[in-house]
């Protein structure tokens, strides 16, 4: 038996993109089922929010792009790259 894997699937496995979801590795977050959700990529920096198993944001981090290159996402969160916010002066 052999499986043929489409090239587009192979690319998604190794290329970090906004919306990819990854398991937390190690520590309390791993024990409690926390996940990294990529919310931004700029140059070689990947920004994530950490969510708990209930979907609540419980942290945030910035990693080098290489950190996620060889990791396999466990899920995808659609719509993140379409969000737009306005920052206004407090005065």
C-alpha atoms as a PDB file:
ATOM      1  CA  UNK A   1       0.000   0.000   0.000  1.00  0.00           C
ATOM      2  CA  UNK A   2       1.211   3.499  -0.782  1.00  0.00           C
ATOM      3  CA  UNK A   3      -0.287   6.971  -0.387  1.00  0.00           C
ATOM      4  CA  UNK A   4       0.300   9.814  -2.802  1.00  0.00           C
ATOM      5  CA  UNK A   5       0.407  13.189  -1.084  1.00  0.00           C
ATOM      6  CA  UNK A   6      -0.441  16.317  -3.085  1.00  0.00           C
ATOM      7  CA  UNK A   7       2.352  18.881  -3.227  1.00  0.00           C
ATOM      8  CA  UNK A   8       0.080  21.579  -1.744  1.00  0.00           C
ATOM      9  CA  UNK A   9      -0.381  19.437   1.377  1.00  0.00           C
ATOM     10  CA  UNK A  10       3.384  18.920   1.720  1.00  0.00           C
ATOM     11  CA  UNK A  11       3.938  22.687   1.493  1.00  0.00           C
ATOM     12  CA  UNK A  12       1.423  23.371   4.264  1.00  0.00           C
ATOM     13  CA  UNK A  13       3.185  20.907   6.547  1.00  0.00           C
ATOM     14  CA  UNK A  14       6.502  22.762   6.499  1.00  0.00           C
ATOM     15  CA  UNK A  15       5.565  26.373   5.707  1.00  0.00           C
ATOM     16  CA  UNK A  16       4.260  28.435   8.627  1.00  0.00           C
ATOM     17  CA  UNK A  17       1.275  30.600   7.637  1.00  0.00           C
ATOM     18  CA  UNK A  18      -1.100  32.888   9.512  1.00  0.00           C
ATOM     19  CA  UNK A  19      -3.820  30.707  10.985  1.00  0.00           C
ATOM     20  CA  UNK A  20      -1.746  27.575  11.563  1.00  0.00           C
ATOM     21  CA  UNK A  21      -2.286  26.001  14.992  1.00  0.00           C
ATOM     22  CA  UNK A  22       0.440  24.019  16.784  1.00  0.00           C
ATOM     23  CA  UNK A  23       0.596  22.078  20.044  1.00  0.00           C
ATOM     24  CA  UNK A  24       2.605  23.639  22.848  1.00  0.00           C
ATOM     25  CA  UNK A  25       5.712  21.559  23.525  1.00  0.00           C
ATOM     26  CA  UNK A  26       6.667  21.010  27.154  1.00  0.00           C
ATOM     27  CA  UNK A  27       5.775  22.584  30.468  1.00  0.00           C
ATOM     28  CA  UNK A  28       2.415  23.477  31.959  1.00  0.00           C
ATOM     29  CA  UNK A  29       0.972  24.518  28.591  1.00  0.00           C
ATOM     30  CA  UNK A  30       1.583  21.072  27.123  1.00  0.00           C
ATOM     31  CA  UNK A  31      -0.001  19.367  30.130  1.00  0.00           C
ATOM     32  CA  UNK A  32      -3.046  21.619  29.942  1.00  0.00           C
ATOM     33  CA  UNK A  33      -3.581  21.365  26.177  1.00  0.00           C
ATOM     34  CA  UNK A  34      -2.511  24.885  25.167  1.00  0.00           C
ATOM     35  CA  UNK A  35      -1.908  25.736  21.507  1.00  0.00           C
ATOM     36  CA  UNK A  36       0.018  28.345  19.487  1.00  0.00           C
ATOM     37  CA  UNK A  37      -2.022  30.156  16.825  1.00  0.00           C
ATOM     38  CA  UNK A  38       0.051  32.115  14.303  1.00  0.00           C
ATOM     39  CA  UNK A  39      -1.399  35.629  13.992  1.00  0.00           C
ATOM     40  CA  UNK A  40       1.412  37.318  12.097  1.00  0.00           C
ATOM     41  CA  UNK A  41       4.593  36.725  10.126  1.00  0.00           C
ATOM     42  CA  UNK A  42       7.011  39.548   9.316  1.00  0.00           C
ATOM     43  CA  UNK A  43      10.411  38.806   7.812  1.00  0.00           C
ATOM     44  CA  UNK A  44      11.818  36.051  10.045  1.00  0.00           C
ATOM     45  CA  UNK A  45       9.540  36.669  13.056  1.00  0.00           C
ATOM     46  CA  UNK A  46       6.385  34.647  13.767  1.00  0.00           C
ATOM     47  CA  UNK A  47       3.935  36.106  16.296  1.00  0.00           C
ATOM     48  CA  UNK A  48       1.531  33.774  18.077  1.00  0.00           C
ATOM     49  CA  UNK A  49      -1.231  33.912  20.635  1.00  0.00           C
ATOM     50  CA  UNK A  50      -1.472  31.032  23.059  1.00  0.00           C
ATOM     51  CA  UNK A  51      -4.948  29.658  23.662  1.00  0.00           C
ATOM     52  CA  UNK A  52      -6.075  27.153  26.250  1.00  0.00           C
ATOM     53  CA  UNK A  53      -8.289  24.139  25.551  1.00  0.00           C
ATOM     54  CA  UNK A  54     -11.368  26.349  26.013  1.00  0.00           C
ATOM     55  CA  UNK A  55     -10.188  28.789  23.339  1.00  0.00           C
ATOM     56  CA  UNK A  56      -9.315  31.582  25.767  1.00  0.00           C
ATOM     57  CA  UNK A  57      -6.168  33.598  25.051  1.00  0.00           C
ATOM     58  CA  UNK A  58      -3.682  32.934  27.841  1.00  0.00           C
ATOM     59  CA  UNK A  59      -0.440  34.267  26.377  1.00  0.00           C
ATOM     60  CA  UNK A  60       1.520  35.434  23.391  1.00  0.00           C
ATOM     61  CA  UNK A  61       4.983  34.920  21.966  1.00  0.00           C
ATOM     62  CA  UNK A  62       7.283  35.749  19.099  1.00  0.00           C
ATOM     63  CA  UNK A  63       9.508  33.065  17.584  1.00  0.00           C
ATOM     64  CA  UNK A  64      11.999  32.812  14.773  1.00  0.00           C
ATOM     65  CA  UNK A  65      10.422  31.546  11.557  1.00  0.00           C
ATOM     66  CA  UNK A  66      12.711  28.495  11.665  1.00  0.00           C
ATOM     67  CA  UNK A  67      11.049  27.309  14.902  1.00  0.00           C
ATOM     68  CA  UNK A  68       7.854  26.389  13.013  1.00  0.00           C
ATOM     69  CA  UNK A  69       9.386  25.285   9.701  1.00  0.00           C
ATOM     70  CA  UNK A  70       9.680  21.621  10.627  1.00  0.00           C
ATOM     71  CA  UNK A  71       6.605  21.440  12.863  1.00  0.00           C
ATOM     72  CA  UNK A  72       3.323  20.022  11.630  1.00  0.00           C
ATOM     73  CA  UNK A  73       0.227  22.104  12.325  1.00  0.00           C
ATOM     74  CA  UNK A  74      -2.614  20.320  14.115  1.00  0.00           C
ATOM     75  CA  UNK A  75      -5.325  22.671  12.810  1.00  0.00           C
ATOM     76  CA  UNK A  76      -6.008  25.856  10.870  1.00  0.00           C
ATOM     77  CA  UNK A  77      -7.900  28.939  12.066  1.00  0.00           C
ATOM     78  CA  UNK A  78      -9.399  30.685   9.033  1.00  0.00           C
ATOM     79  CA  UNK A  79     -10.062  34.411   8.785  1.00  0.00           C
ATOM     80  CA  UNK A  80      -7.136  35.714  10.832  1.00  0.00           C
ATOM     81  CA  UNK A  81      -5.380  37.258   7.838  1.00  0.00           C
ATOM     82  CA  UNK A  82      -8.578  39.197   7.008  1.00  0.00           C
ATOM     83  CA  UNK A  83      -8.935  40.956  10.386  1.00  0.00           C
ATOM     84  CA  UNK A  84      -8.348  44.700  10.423  1.00  0.00           C
ATOM     85  CA  UNK A  85      -8.262  46.999  13.457  1.00  0.00           C
ATOM     86  CA  UNK A  86      -7.986  50.762  13.861  1.00  0.00           C
ATOM     87  CA  UNK A  87      -5.665  52.300  16.458  1.00  0.00           C
ATOM     88  CA  UNK A  88      -6.849  55.759  17.521  1.00  0.00           C
ATOM     89  CA  UNK A  89      -5.373  58.437  19.716  1.00  0.00           C
ATOM     90  CA  UNK A  90      -6.653  58.678  23.277  1.00  0.00           C
ATOM     91  CA  UNK A  91      -6.684  62.477  23.042  1.00  0.00           C
END
